[in-house]
Every structure is written in C-alpha cells, then in structure tokens.
Amino acid sequence: MNSNESWATDNDVPTPKKIPQPVGYRILIRPRGVIEKTKGGIILTDSSKNDQSYLNSVGQVLAMGDECYSDRKKPWCKVGNWVIFGRYAGARISVQKVKMVLLNDDEIIATLENPEVVTQQL
C-alpha cells in the first residue's frame, strides 16, 4: 500500500488548470505536501516523512461532484476548503504529475480554516 507521503506533491508545484470533474458524491482533493526539511535546515529521512504523512491527511478541495451532500441539509465542505480525510481513503490519481485524491463526500473527517493548525513537524 502506498503511503500518503508518496501521494503528496510538493506544495510549490501549481495545481493544473484542467482537472477532472468528479461525478456523483465524489470530491477531488489535493493533499498538502510533506515537509522535506526542518526550519533549521535538517533534511528529514524517508521514515520521518512517512510518519509525518501518517499523522497528516490534510488537503484542499479542488472540485465536487454535482450530488455531493444532496442528502444533507448542509454541506460539510466546499471548493477551496482545507479538510482532513482518512489515511487510506479514496482513489489516488495523478494529473500532469500533481497527485490528487478522489473521495466520497462522507469520507471527509473535519474541515480546517488553516491547514497549519494540524502540525506537520514531528
């Protein structure tokens, strides 16, 4: 099974202009990249990056299917929101070398105003 670290594109890589449009209850998420080195300049090992990805399944909602939350009074998230999702949830895809995750709308665990609230440092 692939770790989230292997499915998180560097944050400096821009999101492609043309992305797949999810259908039905699916949501397209771009996972936040993992930290490669500390503020002090120490380069993290692969093990540390994997541990970091285990703790942080955070991403930004890029697109939503037309039936998302149609069975709910209020949607849990919307395009542009930062969300937390399960480590192995969804299907992983790559669009122009940018890694993304397709989830069902009920696989969103929480929303975040700021992704930095969930620390990435070990």
PDB file of N, CA and C in Angstrom:
ATOM      1  N   MET A   1       0.848  -1.180   0.000  1.00  0.00           N
ATOM      2  CA  MET A   1       0.000   0.000   0.000  1.00  0.00           C
ATOM      3  C   MET A   1       0.889   1.237   0.000  1.00  0.00           C
ATOM      4  N   ASN A   2       0.530   2.242  -0.782  1.00  0.00           N
ATOM      5  CA  ASN A   2       1.290   3.480  -0.858  1.00  0.00           C
ATOM      6  C   ASN A   2       1.028   4.351   0.352  1.00  0.00           C
ATOM      7  N   SER A   3       2.096   4.983   0.850  1.00  0.00           N
ATOM      8  CA  SER A   3       1.918   5.917   1.963  1.00  0.00           C
ATOM      9  C   SER A   3       1.416   7.250   1.417  1.00  0.00           C
ATOM     10  N   ASN A   4       0.866   8.082   2.277  1.00  0.00           N
ATOM     11  CA  ASN A   4       0.421   9.405   1.833  1.00  0.00           C
ATOM     12  C   ASN A   4       1.601  10.221   1.346  1.00  0.00           C
ATOM     13  N   GLU A   5       2.778  10.026   1.938  1.00  0.00           N
ATOM     14  CA  GLU A   5       3.954  10.796   1.550  1.00  0.00           C
ATOM     15  C   GLU A   5       4.235  10.602   0.069  1.00  0.00           C
ATOM     16  N   SER A   6       4.062   9.374  -0.419  1.00  0.00           N
ATOM     17  CA  SER A   6       4.325   9.131  -1.834  1.00  0.00           C
ATOM     18  C   SER A   6       3.206   9.696  -2.703  1.00  0.00           C
ATOM     19  N   TRP A   7       2.108  10.124  -2.083  1.00  0.00           N
ATOM     20  CA  TRP A   7       0.993  10.716  -2.825  1.00  0.00           C
ATOM     21  C   TRP A   7       0.751  12.157  -2.426  1.00  0.00           C
ATOM     22  N   ALA A   8       1.795  12.867  -2.075  1.00  0.00           N
ATOM     23  CA  ALA A   8       1.680  14.292  -1.776  1.00  0.00           C
ATOM     24  C   ALA A   8       2.691  15.022  -2.637  1.00  0.00           C
ATOM     25  N   THR A   9       2.210  15.872  -3.535  1.00  0.00           N
ATOM     26  CA  THR A   9       3.071  16.640  -4.416  1.00  0.00           C
ATOM     27  C   THR A   9       3.602  17.848  -3.664  1.00  0.00           C
ATOM     28  N   ASP A  10       4.826  18.238  -3.952  1.00  0.00           N
ATOM     29  CA  ASP A  10       5.423  19.420  -3.344  1.00  0.00           C
ATOM     30  C   ASP A  10       4.467  20.608  -3.455  1.00  0.00           C
ATOM     31  N   ASN A  11       4.316  21.355  -2.371  1.00  0.00           N
ATOM     32  CA  ASN A  11       3.393  22.494  -2.343  1.00  0.00           C
ATOM     33  C   ASN A  11       3.743  23.582  -3.359  1.00  0.00           C
ATOM     34  N   ASP A  12       5.011  23.628  -3.807  1.00  0.00           N
ATOM     35  CA  ASP A  12       5.429  24.652  -4.762  1.00  0.00           C
ATOM     36  C   ASP A  12       4.981  24.359  -6.193  1.00  0.00           C
ATOM     37  N   VAL A  13       4.513  23.136  -6.467  1.00  0.00           N
ATOM     38  CA  VAL A  13       4.037  22.773  -7.802  1.00  0.00           C
ATOM     39  C   VAL A  13       2.597  23.269  -7.940  1.00  0.00           C
ATOM     40  N   PRO A  14       2.318  24.109  -8.946  1.00  0.00           N
ATOM     41  CA  PRO A  14       0.962  24.644  -9.068  1.00  0.00           C
ATOM     42  C   PRO A  14      -0.054  23.578  -9.488  1.00  0.00           C
ATOM     43  N   THR A  15      -1.291  23.781  -9.072  1.00  0.00           N
ATOM     44  CA  THR A  15      -2.385  22.898  -9.469  1.00  0.00           C
ATOM     45  C   THR A  15      -2.670  23.122 -10.952  1.00  0.00           C
ATOM     46  N   PRO A  16      -2.826  22.044 -11.738  1.00  0.00           N
ATOM     47  CA  PRO A  16      -3.134  22.212 -13.169  1.00  0.00           C
ATOM     48  C   PRO A  16      -4.436  22.987 -13.373  1.00  0.00           C
ATOM     49  N   LYS A  17      -4.504  23.727 -14.472  1.00  0.00           N
ATOM     50  CA  LYS A  17      -5.716  24.490 -14.786  1.00  0.00           C
ATOM     51  C   LYS A  17      -6.865  23.558 -15.150  1.00  0.00           C
ATOM     52  N   LYS A  18      -6.565  22.464 -15.842  1.00  0.00           N
ATOM     53  CA  LYS A  18      -7.592  21.489 -16.219  1.00  0.00           C
ATOM     54  C   LYS A  18      -7.477  20.284 -15.294  1.00  0.00           C
ATOM     55  N   ILE A  19      -8.515  20.088 -14.489  1.00  0.00           N
ATOM     56  CA  ILE A  19      -8.547  18.957 -13.557  1.00  0.00           C
ATOM     57  C   ILE A  19      -9.801  18.133 -13.835  1.00  0.00           C
ATOM     58  N   PRO A  20      -9.797  16.868 -13.446  1.00  0.00           N
ATOM     59  CA  PRO A  20     -11.002  16.056 -13.647  1.00  0.00           C
ATOM     60  C   PRO A  20     -12.162  16.595 -12.817  1.00  0.00           C
ATOM     61  N   GLN A  21     -13.361  16.529 -13.371  1.00  0.00           N
ATOM     62  CA  GLN A  21     -14.554  16.935 -12.627  1.00  0.00           C
ATOM     63  C   GLN A  21     -15.159  15.685 -12.002  1.00  0.00           C
ATOM     64  N   PRO A  22     -15.165  15.595 -10.669  1.00  0.00           N
ATOM     65  CA  PRO A  22     -15.745  14.423 -10.011  1.00  0.00           C
ATOM     66  C   PRO A  22     -17.233  14.295 -10.341  1.00  0.00           C
ATOM     67  N   VAL A  23     -17.707  13.066 -10.335  1.00  0.00           N
ATOM     68  CA  VAL A  23     -19.131  12.821 -10.582  1.00  0.00           C
ATOM     69  C   VAL A  23     -19.786  12.304  -9.305  1.00  0.00           C
ATOM     70  N   GLY A  24     -21.093  12.444  -9.245  1.00  0.00           N
ATOM     71  CA  GLY A  24     -21.851  11.910  -8.116  1.00  0.00           C
ATOM     72  C   GLY A  24     -21.439  12.532  -6.799  1.00  0.00           C
ATOM     73  N   TYR A  25     -21.151  11.666  -5.836  1.00  0.00           N
ATOM     74  CA  TYR A  25     -20.833  12.083  -4.472  1.00  0.00           C
ATOM     75  C   TYR A  25     -19.336  12.291  -4.238  1.00  0.00           C
ATOM     76  N   ARG A  26     -18.552  12.340  -5.290  1.00  0.00           N
ATOM     77  CA  ARG A  26     -17.094  12.378  -5.123  1.00  0.00           C
ATOM     78  C   ARG A  26     -16.547  13.798  -5.038  1.00  0.00           C
ATOM     79  N   ILE A  27     -15.425  13.897  -4.307  1.00  0.00           N
ATOM     80  CA  ILE A  27     -14.737  15.174  -4.089  1.00  0.00           C
ATOM     81  C   ILE A  27     -13.282  14.989  -4.493  1.00  0.00           C
ATOM     82  N   LEU A  28     -12.728  15.949  -5.239  1.00  0.00           N
ATOM     83  CA  LEU A  28     -11.327  15.922  -5.649  1.00  0.00           C
ATOM     84  C   LEU A  28     -10.519  16.760  -4.668  1.00  0.00           C
ATOM     85  N   ILE A  29      -9.512  16.145  -4.061  1.00  0.00           N
ATOM     86  CA  ILE A  29      -8.675  16.778  -3.029  1.00  0.00           C
ATOM     87  C   ILE A  29      -7.228  16.803  -3.500  1.00  0.00           C
ATOM     88  N   ARG A  30      -6.542  17.897  -3.227  1.00  0.00           N
ATOM     89  CA  ARG A  30      -5.093  17.937  -3.428  1.00  0.00           C
ATOM     90  C   ARG A  30      -4.438  17.880  -2.048  1.00  0.00           C
ATOM     91  N   PRO A  31      -3.773  16.753  -1.743  1.00  0.00           N
ATOM     92  CA  PRO A  31      -3.128  16.640  -0.434  1.00  0.00           C
ATOM     93  C   PRO A  31      -2.017  17.675  -0.257  1.00  0.00           C
ATOM     94  N   ARG A  32      -1.869  18.124   0.971  1.00  0.00           N
ATOM     95  CA  ARG A  32      -0.775  19.037   1.312  1.00  0.00           C
ATOM     96  C   ARG A  32       0.523  18.255   1.273  1.00  0.00           C
ATOM     97  N   GLY A  33       1.554  18.851   0.730  1.00  0.00           N
ATOM     98  CA  GLY A  33       2.862  18.197   0.674  1.00  0.00           C
ATOM     99  C   GLY A  33       3.476  18.053   2.050  1.00  0.00           C
ATOM    100  N   VAL A  34       4.352  17.076   2.186  1.00  0.00           N
ATOM    101  CA  VAL A  34       5.036  16.879   3.465  1.00  0.00           C
ATOM    102  C   VAL A  34       6.262  17.775   3.529  1.00  0.00           C
ATOM    103  N   ILE A  35       6.686  18.080   4.736  1.00  0.00           N
ATOM    104  CA  ILE A  35       7.872  18.911   4.941  1.00  0.00           C
ATOM    105  C   ILE A  35       9.114  18.062   4.661  1.00  0.00           C
ATOM    106  N   GLU A  36       9.975  18.557   3.782  1.00  0.00           N
ATOM    107  CA  GLU A  36      11.198  17.846   3.403  1.00  0.00           C
ATOM    108  C   GLU A  36      12.341  18.112   4.391  1.00  0.00           C
ATOM    109  N   LYS A  37      12.358  19.332   4.964  1.00  0.00           N
ATOM    110  CA  LYS A  37      13.398  19.646   5.942  1.00  0.00           C
ATOM    111  C   LYS A  37      12.848  20.584   6.998  1.00  0.00           C
ATOM    112  N   THR A  38      13.480  20.583   8.147  1.00  0.00           N
ATOM    113  CA  THR A  38      13.036  21.406   9.272  1.00  0.00           C
ATOM    114  C   THR A  38      13.396  22.866   9.042  1.00  0.00           C
ATOM    115  N   LYS A  39      12.851  23.746   9.892  1.00  0.00           N
ATOM    116  CA  LYS A  39      13.166  25.175   9.794  1.00  0.00           C
ATOM    117  C   LYS A  39      14.657  25.415   9.986  1.00  0.00           C
ATOM    118  N   GLY A  40      15.304  24.542  10.749  1.00  0.00           N
ATOM    119  CA  GLY A  40      16.741  24.658  10.988  1.00  0.00           C
ATOM    120  C   GLY A  40      17.594  24.106   9.858  1.00  0.00           C
ATOM    121  N   GLY A  41      16.961  23.526   8.827  1.00  0.00           N
ATOM    122  CA  GLY A  41      17.702  23.038   7.664  1.00  0.00           C
ATOM    123  C   GLY A  41      18.026  21.556   7.675  1.00  0.00           C
ATOM    124  N   ILE A  42      17.541  20.807   8.663  1.00  0.00           N
ATOM    125  CA  ILE A  42      17.817  19.375   8.730  1.00  0.00           C
ATOM    126  C   ILE A  42      16.893  18.652   7.751  1.00  0.00           C
ATOM    127  N   ILE A  43      17.474  17.870   6.852  1.00  0.00           N
ATOM    128  CA  ILE A  43      16.697  17.110   5.874  1.00  0.00           C
ATOM    129  C   ILE A  43      16.128  15.875   6.561  1.00  0.00           C
ATOM    130  N   LEU A  44      14.809  15.681   6.425  1.00  0.00           N
ATOM    131  CA  LEU A  44      14.132  14.569   7.090  1.00  0.00           C
ATOM    132  C   LEU A  44      14.342  13.256   6.339  1.00  0.00           C
ATOM    133  N   THR A  45      14.410  12.185   7.091  1.00  0.00           N
ATOM    134  CA  THR A  45      14.546  10.855   6.499  1.00  0.00           C
ATOM    135  C   THR A  45      13.209  10.413   5.912  1.00  0.00           C
ATOM    136  N   ASP A  46      13.252   9.386   5.063  1.00  0.00           N
ATOM    137  CA  ASP A  46      12.017   8.844   4.493  1.00  0.00           C
ATOM    138  C   ASP A  46      11.090   8.349   5.590  1.00  0.00           C
ATOM    139  N   SER A  47      11.656   7.768   6.640  1.00  0.00           N
ATOM    140  CA  SER A  47      10.852   7.272   7.754  1.00  0.00           C
ATOM    141  C   SER A  47      10.122   8.421   8.448  1.00  0.00           C
ATOM    142  N   SER A  48      10.804   9.539   8.654  1.00  0.00           N
ATOM    143  CA  SER A  48      10.183  10.707   9.288  1.00  0.00           C
ATOM    144  C   SER A  48       9.076  11.274   8.416  1.00  0.00           C
ATOM    145  N   LYS A  49       9.318  11.314   7.094  1.00  0.00           N
ATOM    146  CA  LYS A  49       8.291  11.826   6.183  1.00  0.00           C
ATOM    147  C   LYS A  49       7.080  10.900   6.165  1.00  0.00           C
ATOM    148  N   ASN A  50       7.310   9.586   6.246  1.00  0.00           N
ATOM    149  CA  ASN A  50       6.192   8.641   6.274  1.00  0.00           C
ATOM    150  C   ASN A  50       5.400   8.808   7.576  1.00  0.00           C
ATOM    151  N   ASP A  51       6.109   8.965   8.698  1.00  0.00           N
ATOM    152  CA  ASP A  51       5.428   9.202   9.978  1.00  0.00           C
ATOM    153  C   ASP A  51       4.604  10.485   9.913  1.00  0.00           C
ATOM    154  N   GLN A  52       5.175  11.506   9.305  1.00  0.00           N
ATOM    155  CA  GLN A  52       4.508  12.789   9.158  1.00  0.00           C
ATOM    156  C   GLN A  52       3.228  12.635   8.333  1.00  0.00           C
ATOM    157  N   SER A  53       3.311  11.874   7.245  1.00  0.00           N
ATOM    158  CA  SER A  53       2.133  11.691   6.393  1.00  0.00           C
ATOM    159  C   SER A  53       1.074  10.863   7.095  1.00  0.00           C
ATOM    160  N   TYR A  54       1.509   9.955   7.970  1.00  0.00           N
ATOM    161  CA  TYR A  54       0.552   9.151   8.732  1.00  0.00           C
ATOM    162  C   TYR A  54      -0.273  10.047   9.645  1.00  0.00           C
ATOM    163  N   LEU A  55       0.371  11.066  10.207  1.00  0.00           N
ATOM    164  CA  LEU A  55      -0.308  11.962  11.135  1.00  0.00           C
ATOM    165  C   LEU A  55      -1.139  13.022  10.431  1.00  0.00           C
ATOM    166  N   ASN A  56      -0.853  13.281   9.160  1.00  0.00           N
ATOM    167  CA  ASN A  56      -1.479  14.414   8.481  1.00  0.00           C
ATOM    168  C   ASN A  56      -2.065  14.033   7.137  1.00  0.00           C
ATOM    169  N   SER A  57      -3.331  13.754   7.118  1.00  0.00           N
ATOM    170  CA  SER A  57      -4.041  13.537   5.864  1.00  0.00           C
ATOM    171  C   SER A  57      -4.890  14.782   5.636  1.00  0.00           C
ATOM    172  N   VAL A  58      -4.211  15.832   5.206  1.00  0.00           N
ATOM    173  CA  VAL A  58      -4.831  17.140   5.028  1.00  0.00           C
ATOM    174  C   VAL A  58      -4.732  17.519   3.557  1.00  0.00           C
ATOM    175  N   GLY A  59      -5.805  18.081   3.017  1.00  0.00           N
ATOM    176  CA  GLY A  59      -5.777  18.518   1.628  1.00  0.00           C
ATOM    177  C   GLY A  59      -6.792  19.607   1.382  1.00  0.00           C
ATOM    178  N   GLN A  60      -6.720  20.173   0.170  1.00  0.00           N
ATOM    179  CA  GLN A  60      -7.635  21.242  -0.211  1.00  0.00           C
ATOM    180  C   GLN A  60      -8.625  20.715  -1.249  1.00  0.00           C
ATOM    181  N   VAL A  61      -9.892  21.075  -1.076  1.00  0.00           N
ATOM    182  CA  VAL A  61     -10.941  20.651  -2.005  1.00  0.00           C
ATOM    183  C   VAL A  61     -10.787  21.432  -3.305  1.00  0.00           C
ATOM    184  N   LEU A  62     -10.610  20.709  -4.422  1.00  0.00           N
ATOM    185  CA  LEU A  62     -10.463  21.343  -5.729  1.00  0.00           C
ATOM    186  C   LEU A  62     -11.763  21.342  -6.529  1.00  0.00           C
ATOM    187  N   ALA A  63     -12.539  20.271  -6.401  1.00  0.00           N
ATOM    188  CA  ALA A  63     -13.788  20.157  -7.165  1.00  0.00           C
ATOM    189  C   ALA A  63     -14.711  19.177  -6.461  1.00  0.00           C
ATOM    190  N   MET A  64     -16.013  19.337  -6.728  1.00  0.00           N
ATOM    191  CA  MET A  64     -17.009  18.468  -6.100  1.00  0.00           C
ATOM    192  C   MET A  64     -18.010  17.997  -7.149  1.00  0.00           C
ATOM    193  N   GLY A  65     -18.460  16.739  -7.005  1.00  0.00           N
ATOM    194  CA  GLY A  65     -19.488  16.202  -7.879  1.00  0.00           C
ATOM    195  C   GLY A  65     -20.821  16.892  -7.635  1.00  0.00           C
ATOM    196  N   ASP A  66     -21.716  16.788  -8.610  1.00  0.00           N
ATOM    197  CA  ASP A  66     -22.985  17.504  -8.519  1.00  0.00           C
ATOM    198  C   ASP A  66     -23.954  16.938  -7.478  1.00  0.00           C
ATOM    199  N   GLU A  67     -23.685  15.755  -6.954  1.00  0.00           N
ATOM    200  CA  GLU A  67     -24.567  15.174  -5.937  1.00  0.00           C
ATOM    201  C   GLU A  67     -23.983  15.225  -4.523  1.00  0.00           C
ATOM    202  N   CYS A  68     -22.839  15.878  -4.345  1.00  0.00           N
ATOM    203  CA  CYS A  68     -22.232  15.963  -3.021  1.00  0.00           C
ATOM    204  C   CYS A  68     -23.192  16.591  -2.025  1.00  0.00           C
ATOM    205  N   TYR A  69     -23.372  15.912  -0.933  1.00  0.00           N
ATOM    206  CA  TYR A  69     -24.199  16.369   0.184  1.00  0.00           C
ATOM    207  C   TYR A  69     -25.653  16.633  -0.200  1.00  0.00           C
ATOM    208  N   SER A  70     -26.124  16.042  -1.284  1.00  0.00           N
ATOM    209  CA  SER A  70     -27.517  16.239  -1.690  1.00  0.00           C
ATOM    210  C   SER A  70     -28.489  15.601  -0.695  1.00  0.00           C
ATOM    211  N   ASP A  71     -27.987  14.657   0.091  1.00  0.00           N
ATOM    212  CA  ASP A  71     -28.825  14.009   1.096  1.00  0.00           C
ATOM    213  C   ASP A  71     -28.675  14.654   2.475  1.00  0.00           C
ATOM    214  N   ARG A  72     -28.013  15.806   2.547  1.00  0.00           N
ATOM    215  CA  ARG A  72     -27.784  16.513   3.805  1.00  0.00           C
ATOM    216  C   ARG A  72     -28.420  17.899   3.746  1.00  0.00           C
ATOM    217  N   LYS A  73     -28.764  18.450   4.897  1.00  0.00           N
ATOM    218  CA  LYS A  73     -29.310  19.807   4.947  1.00  0.00           C
ATOM    219  C   LYS A  73     -28.234  20.846   4.675  1.00  0.00           C
ATOM    220  N   LYS A  74     -26.996  20.548   5.131  1.00  0.00           N
ATOM    221  CA  LYS A  74     -25.905  21.500   4.991  1.00  0.00           C
ATOM    222  C   LYS A  74     -24.644  20.741   4.574  1.00  0.00           C
ATOM    223  N   PRO A  75     -23.912  21.224   3.556  1.00  0.00           N
ATOM    224  CA  PRO A  75     -22.672  20.533   3.155  1.00  0.00           C
ATOM    225  C   PRO A  75     -21.578  20.697   4.207  1.00  0.00           C
ATOM    226  N   TRP A  76     -20.750  19.686   4.314  1.00  0.00           N
ATOM    227  CA  TRP A  76     -19.653  19.720   5.294  1.00  0.00           C
ATOM    228  C   TRP A  76     -18.499  20.575   4.809  1.00  0.00           C
ATOM    229  N   CYS A  77     -18.323  20.646   3.490  1.00  0.00           N
ATOM    230  CA  CYS A  77     -17.215  21.433   2.950  1.00  0.00           C
ATOM    231  C   CYS A  77     -17.610  21.966   1.580  1.00  0.00           C
ATOM    232  N   LYS A  78     -16.760  22.830   1.033  1.00  0.00           N
ATOM    233  CA  LYS A  78     -16.982  23.371  -0.309  1.00  0.00           C
ATOM    234  C   LYS A  78     -15.628  23.558  -0.977  1.00  0.00           C
ATOM    235  N   VAL A  79     -15.648  23.872  -2.262  1.00  0.00           N
ATOM    236  CA  VAL A  79     -14.407  24.061  -3.016  1.00  0.00           C
ATOM    237  C   VAL A  79     -13.580  25.165  -2.354  1.00  0.00           C
ATOM    238  N   GLY A  80     -12.298  24.882  -2.174  1.00  0.00           N
ATOM    239  CA  GLY A  80     -11.381  25.829  -1.537  1.00  0.00           C
ATOM    240  C   GLY A  80     -11.112  25.537  -0.073  1.00  0.00           C
ATOM    241  N   ASN A  81     -11.985  24.756   0.577  1.00  0.00           N
ATOM    242  CA  ASN A  81     -11.787  24.406   1.992  1.00  0.00           C
ATOM    243  C   ASN A  81     -10.623  23.442   2.162  1.00  0.00           C
ATOM    244  N   TRP A  82      -9.974  23.534   3.311  1.00  0.00           N
ATOM    245  CA  TRP A  82      -8.979  22.557   3.731  1.00  0.00           C
ATOM    246  C   TRP A  82      -9.703  21.516   4.572  1.00  0.00           C
ATOM    247  N   VAL A  83      -9.411  20.253   4.329  1.00  0.00           N
ATOM    248  CA  VAL A  83     -10.113  19.169   5.017  1.00  0.00           C
ATOM    249  C   VAL A  83      -9.131  18.110   5.503  1.00  0.00           C
ATOM    250  N   ILE A  84      -9.606  17.309   6.449  1.00  0.00           N
ATOM    251  CA  ILE A  84      -8.878  16.133   6.920  1.00  0.00           C
ATOM    252  C   ILE A  84      -9.649  14.916   6.433  1.00  0.00           C
ATOM    253  N   PHE A  85      -8.920  13.925   5.907  1.00  0.00           N
ATOM    254  CA  PHE A  85      -9.534  12.702   5.410  1.00  0.00           C
ATOM    255  C   PHE A  85      -8.731  11.510   5.907  1.00  0.00           C
ATOM    256  N   GLY A  86      -9.295  10.329   5.811  1.00  0.00           N
ATOM    257  CA  GLY A  86      -8.621   9.118   6.275  1.00  0.00           C
ATOM    258  C   GLY A  86      -7.360   8.809   5.479  1.00  0.00           C
ATOM    259  N   ARG A  87      -6.394   8.217   6.134  1.00  0.00           N
ATOM    260  CA  ARG A  87      -5.095   7.940   5.522  1.00  0.00           C
ATOM    261  C   ARG A  87      -5.211   7.134   4.238  1.00  0.00           C
ATOM    262  N   TYR A  88      -6.059   6.120   4.221  1.00  0.00           N
ATOM    263  CA  TYR A  88      -6.175   5.262   3.043  1.00  0.00           C
ATOM    264  C   TYR A  88      -7.479   5.481   2.296  1.00  0.00           C
ATOM    265  N   ALA A  89      -8.163   6.570   2.575  1.00  0.00           N
ATOM    266  CA  ALA A  89      -9.453   6.845   1.934  1.00  0.00           C
ATOM    267  C   ALA A  89      -9.262   7.251   0.475  1.00  0.00           C
ATOM    268  N   GLY A  90     -10.225   6.914  -0.341  1.00  0.00           N
ATOM    269  CA  GLY A  90     -10.279   7.407  -1.710  1.00  0.00           C
ATOM    270  C   GLY A  90      -9.364   6.715  -2.698  1.00  0.00           C
ATOM    271  N   ALA A  91      -9.439   7.199  -3.921  1.00  0.00           N
ATOM    272  CA  ALA A  91      -8.621   6.702  -5.027  1.00  0.00           C
ATOM    273  C   ALA A  91      -7.573   7.756  -5.357  1.00  0.00           C
ATOM    274  N   ARG A  92      -6.338   7.333  -5.493  1.00  0.00           N
ATOM    275  CA  ARG A  92      -5.251   8.257  -5.795  1.00  0.00           C
ATOM    276  C   ARG A  92      -5.069   8.355  -7.310  1.00  0.00           C
ATOM    277  N   ILE A  93      -4.961   9.600  -7.801  1.00  0.00           N
ATOM    278  CA  ILE A  93      -4.729   9.829  -9.226  1.00  0.00           C
ATOM    279  C   ILE A  93      -3.617  10.866  -9.375  1.00  0.00           C
ATOM    280  N   SER A  94      -3.048  10.937 -10.557  1.00  0.00           N
ATOM    281  CA  SER A  94      -2.033  11.932 -10.854  1.00  0.00           C
ATOM    282  C   SER A  94      -2.468  12.686 -12.108  1.00  0.00           C
ATOM    283  N   VAL A  95      -2.525  14.013 -12.000  1.00  0.00           N
ATOM    284  CA  VAL A  95      -2.934  14.859 -13.116  1.00  0.00           C
ATOM    285  C   VAL A  95      -1.764  15.777 -13.441  1.00  0.00           C
ATOM    286  N   GLN A  96      -1.155  15.583 -14.585  1.00  0.00           N
ATOM    287  CA  GLN A  96       0.018  16.357 -15.001  1.00  0.00           C
ATOM    288  C   GLN A  96       1.068  16.377 -13.888  1.00  0.00           C
ATOM    289  N   LYS A  97       1.320  15.211 -13.311  1.00  0.00           N
ATOM    290  CA  LYS A  97       2.322  14.977 -12.261  1.00  0.00           C
ATOM    291  C   LYS A  97       1.959  15.609 -10.917  1.00  0.00           C
ATOM    292  N   VAL A  98       0.717  16.079 -10.762  1.00  0.00           N
ATOM    293  CA  VAL A  98       0.236  16.574  -9.480  1.00  0.00           C
ATOM    294  C   VAL A  98      -0.673  15.498  -8.906  1.00  0.00           C
ATOM    295  N   LYS A  99      -0.360  15.048  -7.711  1.00  0.00           N
ATOM    296  CA  LYS A  99      -1.101  13.950  -7.103  1.00  0.00           C
ATOM    297  C   LYS A  99      -2.335  14.459  -6.385  1.00  0.00           C
ATOM    298  N   MET A 100      -3.431  13.728  -6.589  1.00  0.00           N
ATOM    299  CA  MET A 100      -4.720  14.119  -6.026  1.00  0.00           C
ATOM    300  C   MET A 100      -5.435  12.877  -5.512  1.00  0.00           C
ATOM    301  N   VAL A 101      -6.474  13.104  -4.719  1.00  0.00           N
ATOM    302  CA  VAL A 101      -7.258  12.010  -4.155  1.00  0.00           C
ATOM    303  C   VAL A 101      -8.734  12.268  -4.461  1.00  0.00           C
ATOM    304  N   LEU A 102      -9.431  11.237  -4.931  1.00  0.00           N
ATOM    305  CA  LEU A 102     -10.882  11.298  -5.137  1.00  0.00           C
ATOM    306  C   LEU A 102     -11.541  10.573  -3.976  1.00  0.00           C
ATOM    307  N   LEU A 103     -12.380  11.282  -3.221  1.00  0.00           N
ATOM    308  CA  LEU A 103     -13.052  10.724  -2.047  1.00  0.00           C
ATOM    309  C   LEU A 103     -14.564  10.799  -2.220  1.00  0.00           C
ATOM    310  N   ASN A 104     -15.275   9.967  -1.498  1.00  0.00           N
ATOM    311  CA  ASN A 104     -16.715  10.144  -1.369  1.00  0.00           C
ATOM    312  C   ASN A 104     -16.959  11.268  -0.375  1.00  0.00           C
ATOM    313  N   ASP A 105     -18.086  11.961  -0.490  1.00  0.00           N
ATOM    314  CA  ASP A 105     -18.341  13.109   0.387  1.00  0.00           C
ATOM    315  C   ASP A 105     -18.379  12.750   1.867  1.00  0.00           C
ATOM    316  N   ASP A 106     -18.730  11.508   2.199  1.00  0.00           N
ATOM    317  CA  ASP A 106     -18.793  11.123   3.615  1.00  0.00           C
ATOM    318  C   ASP A 106     -17.439  10.703   4.186  1.00  0.00           C
ATOM    319  N   GLU A 107     -16.371  10.760   3.382  1.00  0.00           N
ATOM    320  CA  GLU A 107     -15.035  10.414   3.870  1.00  0.00           C
ATOM    321  C   GLU A 107     -14.272  11.625   4.414  1.00  0.00           C
ATOM    322  N   ILE A 108     -14.888  12.791   4.374  1.00  0.00           N
ATOM    323  CA  ILE A 108     -14.286  13.987   4.972  1.00  0.00           C
ATOM    324  C   ILE A 108     -14.506  13.893   6.476  1.00  0.00           C
ATOM    325  N   ILE A 109     -13.418  13.961   7.237  1.00  0.00           N
ATOM    326  CA  ILE A 109     -13.484  13.806   8.691  1.00  0.00           C
ATOM    327  C   ILE A 109     -13.683  15.150   9.394  1.00  0.00           C
ATOM    328  N   ALA A 110     -13.013  16.198   8.871  1.00  0.00           N
ATOM    329  CA  ALA A 110     -13.097  17.524   9.500  1.00  0.00           C
ATOM    330  C   ALA A 110     -12.713  18.584   8.479  1.00  0.00           C
ATOM    331  N   THR A 111     -13.102  19.821   8.757  1.00  0.00           N
ATOM    332  CA  THR A 111     -12.676  20.954   7.939  1.00  0.00           C
ATOM    333  C   THR A 111     -11.741  21.826   8.775  1.00  0.00           C
ATOM    334  N   LEU A 112     -10.893  22.572   8.098  1.00  0.00           N
ATOM    335  CA  LEU A 112      -9.914  23.434   8.763  1.00  0.00           C
ATOM    336  C   LEU A 112      -9.967  24.828   8.150  1.00  0.00           C
ATOM    337  N   GLU A 113      -9.899  25.855   8.976  1.00  0.00           N
ATOM    338  CA  GLU A 113      -9.770  27.204   8.438  1.00  0.00           C
ATOM    339  C   GLU A 113      -8.359  27.429   7.919  1.00  0.00           C
ATOM    340  N   ASN A 114      -7.394  26.824   8.608  1.00  0.00           N
ATOM    341  CA  ASN A 114      -5.990  26.986   8.263  1.00  0.00           C
ATOM    342  C   ASN A 114      -5.313  25.619   8.374  1.00  0.00           C
ATOM    343  N   PRO A 115      -4.684  25.122   7.306  1.00  0.00           N
ATOM    344  CA  PRO A 115      -4.066  23.794   7.379  1.00  0.00           C
ATOM    345  C   PRO A 115      -2.898  23.724   8.361  1.00  0.00           C
ATOM    346  N   GLU A 116      -2.339  24.857   8.737  1.00  0.00           N
ATOM    347  CA  GLU A 116      -1.225  24.873   9.665  1.00  0.00           C
ATOM    348  C   GLU A 116      -1.641  24.488  11.082  1.00  0.00           C
ATOM    349  N   VAL A 117      -2.970  24.442  11.335  1.00  0.00           N
ATOM    350  CA  VAL A 117      -3.461  24.034  12.647  1.00  0.00           C
ATOM    351  C   VAL A 117      -3.026  22.606  12.944  1.00  0.00           C
ATOM    352  N   VAL A 118      -3.001  21.776  11.900  1.00  0.00           N
ATOM    353  CA  VAL A 118      -2.536  20.399  12.030  1.00  0.00           C
ATOM    354  C   VAL A 118      -1.055  20.420  11.753  1.00  0.00           C
ATOM    355  N   THR A 119      -0.279  20.236  12.782  1.00  0.00           N
ATOM    356  CA  THR A 119       1.177  20.345  12.659  1.00  0.00           C
ATOM    357  C   THR A 119       1.748  19.243  11.803  1.00  0.00           C
ATOM    358  N   GLN A 120       2.798  19.557  11.065  1.00  0.00           N
ATOM    359  CA  GLN A 120       3.480  18.575  10.251  1.00  0.00           C
ATOM    360  C   GLN A 120       4.820  18.193  10.862  1.00  0.00           C
ATOM    361  N   GLN A 121       5.250  18.906  11.861  1.00  0.00           N
ATOM    362  CA  GLN A 121       6.559  18.631  12.429  1.00  0.00           C
ATOM    363  C   GLN A 121       6.471  17.559  13.495  1.00  0.00           C
ATOM    364  N   LEU A 122       7.439  16.663  13.491  1.00  0.00           N
ATOM    365  CA  LEU A 122       7.459  15.568  14.465  1.00  0.00           C
ATOM    366  C   LEU A 122       8.313  15.943  15.652  1.00  0.00           C
TER     367      LEU A 122
END
